């Protein structure tokens, strides 16, 4: 019997080693961050030296095209700004872009999740036109979400058989054949600068430097810590009811890359760091035209704020909301720093600044009112998921304090930036976006779009002529809303208006026929309750939709 122990021991060790190897992705999910750090270590902070432009401005009389600055928030709720009288905290800097420029009141995201929206902004095309239908995510994360919620009243659906068709996450991204704003404006002599969240592919051919950016400082995945978890100046709110939040806290680094460098630590709270570096980039390029894409990760979870911002909000009793409000405070401060950099460098008048959010506020942070007055969340095509703040300011080129009520969308950023820069649109492909400048000036009348379209797997939506159609297979459901009379989608008219449903379904089908199949399939479909956030128990009569990703 004793002689058999070595054999048994070897077998146990082999089984344990095999299990550990297979579990590596799951170890990452549960806090063993050293695995990722061994693969890609994080170095100490290193100074960033933005390449300087000319030391002197162009000779007087020389025509310089306007700079273009696109500022993108992440998961910003529609009611997170004080501009319209709401907001968790005052947001005077963001509000000033609307007050001193144009507020597009019916601004729509490119998708109800972040990565496809970013693809729409940078290309001016529906992401479904080139297969970017779903947000890049690691397979292990998708499995975790499915396992975490398996006992829920409405469990997620996980498609194991599709795993073989899903490429590694770093290869899920923006196809190199697409033309980005950075490539278009770079071809016109613009210096192209990017900061913050990328989430459009991590492979070399999909990274920022291969997609037209001369310089890029930020992180490639879809989220980041704002400070180290053990930083004494950090205050956090963790949502243990949410598998996404648990995954992020267990895995996210506090790190950035500079032009494809190895990872290194920032030297400040992430939002402040990105804003400070954006201001430096503006100063370095003050004497040449530039395109600046500033993609903040705020206020995307994990909810993590500075102690100073948290302490400045003692009037907010709820800890989670107070942390979130502190993050918004930092975001507004960051936007203000960028606007101030334009001003002190004499660039304010002839810079087109566009501010928007990639999608609406997320249900999984557990805050019920962030998308007020709209229903729905990120990961739904209800207004709470896709109706986003959309402001543009250009003192030399746009009126001040104007509003525009017809629907516009992220796809319009590309064409608008191109028109401001005097760059002809690509002639070899369909550009879905429209130049909004003549509409903002009152030179063009009517609606810029016949319709706006969204698709995520089985779930599709269309806005046309004041109507909104949503069609879902899970549940088998059609919603019809008349947005001009019912902008908050309270009254479903699908049963009363069958002819309108059929007409919009035909338009939806015709639009969808122009799109292509997803570049990779969705692995999971998860239920999203329309009228309450995660953390609130589901009820049998909840309206919901299964979101595919």
Foldseek 3Di string as FASTA:
>chain_A
DVVCVVVVVVVVVVVVVVVCVVCVVVLLQQFPQVVVCVVFNAAADDDDDAAFDDPDADPPPDDAFFAEEEEAEAQFAAQCEPLVPGHLDHQVLVNQLCQFFEWAQFEWFLALHFAQSVVLLFQLDNSLQPFLFDQQDAPSLVVLQQVLQVPAPFGWDFDPVQPVQDDGSLARFDDLVGATLLNLVVVVVAQEEEEEEARGHNPPCRDPVNRRHPKYKYDYHLDAAQDPPPDPFKDFDAQVLHSVRSSCVSNHYQWMDIPPHRTYHFPHGNLQRLLVVLLSNCLSYLRHHYYYYYYHHPPPDPQMATNVLLVVPPVDPDRLSSSNSSRSVSNSVSSNSNCVSCVVSVNNQRYKYKYKYNWHHALSSFDQDSNPPAWAGRLDPTCRSIRMTIGIHHNNQAHGNHYHHAYFYSSQNSVQSCVSRVGDDDPPDDRNHDRCRCVRRVNDDDHPDQKRWGDFPQWIWMDGPQKIWIAHVVVRDIFIDRCVVPVRRPDGCCVVCVVVVVVVVVVRVVVVVSGDHNSGFFRMWDKDFTRGGRPDGDDPPTDIGTRTD
